[in-house]
Amino acid sequence: MLVHVYRPSPNSDHNYNIFLFIVRHRKGSEGPPQQQFDDIKQAEFYFGESWDNKVFTAENTGSVIGVRTEANGTFLASCRVTFKEPKQPPIVLFRYIEFHMLQDNPDMNI
């Protein structure tokens, strides 16, 4: 899964600092999702034209696979995950990045 965490940015040019990274759910686990992967070679992140259509590559170094960026508003993030096993095809993950928590929208009924 592609996930993100964010906080307000101290940089006056952007509203938010964001860290986007990949995790794997651990079925039946009460602990956090898996964040380190032996089978993944790299992840390539794409955020669109506001980032000059650049692709940001995160190599698997044995730690969390992700990238940091800054933004002023919502955007669609995509991530192509390439595996070490050459016969395993890449997968593409998507996540809509937004910055409003439920407490900011008390009229929403869930």
Protein backbone atom coordinates (compact mmCIF):
# COMPACT_ATOMS: atom_id res chain seq x y z
CA MET A 1 0.00 0.00 0.00
CA LEU A 2 1.07 3.57 -0.57
CA VAL A 3 0.66 5.66 2.58
CA HIS A 4 1.59 9.13 3.73
CA VAL A 5 2.17 11.22 6.82
CA TYR A 6 2.38 14.99 6.89
CA ARG A 7 2.84 18.04 9.07
CA PRO A 8 2.59 21.79 8.56
CA SER A 9 5.67 23.13 6.80
CA PRO A 10 7.87 25.75 8.44
CA ASN A 11 8.78 26.77 4.86
CA SER A 12 6.64 29.74 3.85
CA ASP A 13 6.58 28.54 0.20
CA HIS A 14 4.61 25.36 1.01
CA ASN A 15 1.83 24.42 3.42
CA TYR A 16 2.84 20.82 4.15
CA ASN A 17 5.85 18.52 4.50
CA ILE A 18 4.91 15.01 3.36
CA PHE A 19 6.55 11.60 3.57
CA LEU A 20 5.12 9.00 1.17
CA PHE A 21 6.17 5.37 1.61
CA ILE A 22 5.10 1.81 0.98
CA VAL A 23 3.87 -0.71 3.54
CA ARG A 24 2.51 -4.24 3.45
CA HIS A 25 -0.39 -5.24 5.70
CA ARG A 26 0.35 -8.09 8.11
CA LYS A 27 -2.83 -10.15 8.34
CA GLY A 28 -3.86 -10.86 11.91
CA SER A 29 -1.15 -8.63 13.32
CA GLU A 30 -1.70 -6.10 16.05
CA GLY A 31 1.63 -4.47 15.24
CA PRO A 32 2.47 -1.93 12.56
CA PRO A 33 2.43 -2.86 8.87
CA GLN A 34 5.60 -4.23 7.31
CA GLN A 35 7.92 -1.41 6.18
CA GLN A 36 11.06 -3.30 5.15
CA PHE A 37 11.11 -5.61 2.14
CA ASP A 38 13.61 -8.18 0.89
CA ASP A 39 11.74 -8.67 -2.41
CA ILE A 40 11.54 -5.03 -3.59
CA LYS A 41 14.28 -3.44 -5.70
CA GLN A 42 12.98 0.14 -5.84
CA ALA A 43 9.95 2.41 -5.88
CA GLU A 44 9.42 5.25 -8.36
CA PHE A 45 7.14 8.07 -7.25
CA TYR A 46 5.30 10.45 -9.59
CA PHE A 47 3.27 13.44 -8.44
CA GLY A 48 2.42 15.27 -11.67
CA GLU A 49 3.10 18.56 -13.38
CA SER A 50 3.45 20.60 -10.18
CA TRP A 51 6.67 18.62 -9.69
CA ASP A 52 7.73 19.19 -13.32
CA ASN A 53 6.59 15.64 -14.18
CA LYS A 54 9.73 14.26 -12.50
CA VAL A 55 10.02 10.69 -11.26
CA PHE A 56 11.56 10.34 -7.80
CA THR A 57 13.31 6.98 -7.32
CA ALA A 58 13.75 5.40 -3.90
CA GLU A 59 16.14 2.45 -3.94
CA ASN A 60 15.62 -0.29 -1.37
CA THR A 61 18.47 0.20 1.11
CA GLY A 62 16.95 -2.09 3.74
CA SER A 63 15.04 0.70 5.44
CA VAL A 64 11.66 2.30 4.74
CA ILE A 65 11.14 2.86 0.99
CA GLY A 66 9.78 6.35 0.45
CA VAL A 67 10.32 9.98 -0.48
CA ARG A 68 9.81 13.37 1.13
CA THR A 69 8.25 16.33 -0.61
CA GLU A 70 6.35 19.55 0.06
CA ALA A 71 2.94 20.64 -1.21
CA ASN A 72 0.37 23.39 -0.95
CA GLY A 73 -2.69 21.25 -1.60
CA THR A 74 -4.10 17.92 -2.63
CA PHE A 75 -2.61 15.77 -5.39
CA LEU A 76 -2.59 12.24 -6.77
CA ALA A 77 0.55 10.24 -6.02
CA SER A 78 1.49 7.17 -8.00
CA CYS A 79 4.25 4.70 -7.25
CA ARG A 80 5.67 1.95 -9.44
CA VAL A 81 7.21 -0.82 -7.34
CA THR A 82 9.86 -2.94 -9.05
CA PHE A 83 10.80 -6.31 -7.58
CA LYS A 84 14.20 -7.98 -7.40
CA GLU A 85 12.84 -11.11 -9.11
CA PRO A 86 12.99 -10.22 -12.83
CA LYS A 87 9.98 -12.40 -13.70
CA GLN A 88 7.71 -10.61 -11.23
CA PRO A 89 6.04 -7.68 -13.00
CA PRO A 90 6.04 -4.23 -11.38
CA ILE A 91 2.91 -3.02 -9.60
CA VAL A 92 1.54 0.52 -9.55
CA LEU A 93 0.05 1.99 -6.40
CA PHE A 94 -2.04 5.18 -6.15
CA ARG A 95 -2.99 7.42 -3.26
CA TYR A 96 -4.94 10.66 -3.19
CA ILE A 97 -3.02 12.98 -0.88
CA GLU A 98 -5.22 15.27 1.15
CA PHE A 99 -4.75 17.19 4.36
CA HIS A 100 -8.14 17.31 6.08
CA MET A 101 -8.80 15.18 9.10
CA LEU A 102 -12.30 14.21 10.21
CA GLN A 103 -12.22 16.73 13.05
CA ASP A 104 -11.83 19.44 10.41
CA ASN A 105 -15.12 18.28 8.83
CA PRO A 106 -17.59 17.66 11.67
CA ASP A 107 -20.53 17.41 9.23
CA MET A 108 -19.16 14.22 7.66
CA ASN A 109 -21.00 11.10 8.76
CA ILE A 110 -18.98 7.92 8.72
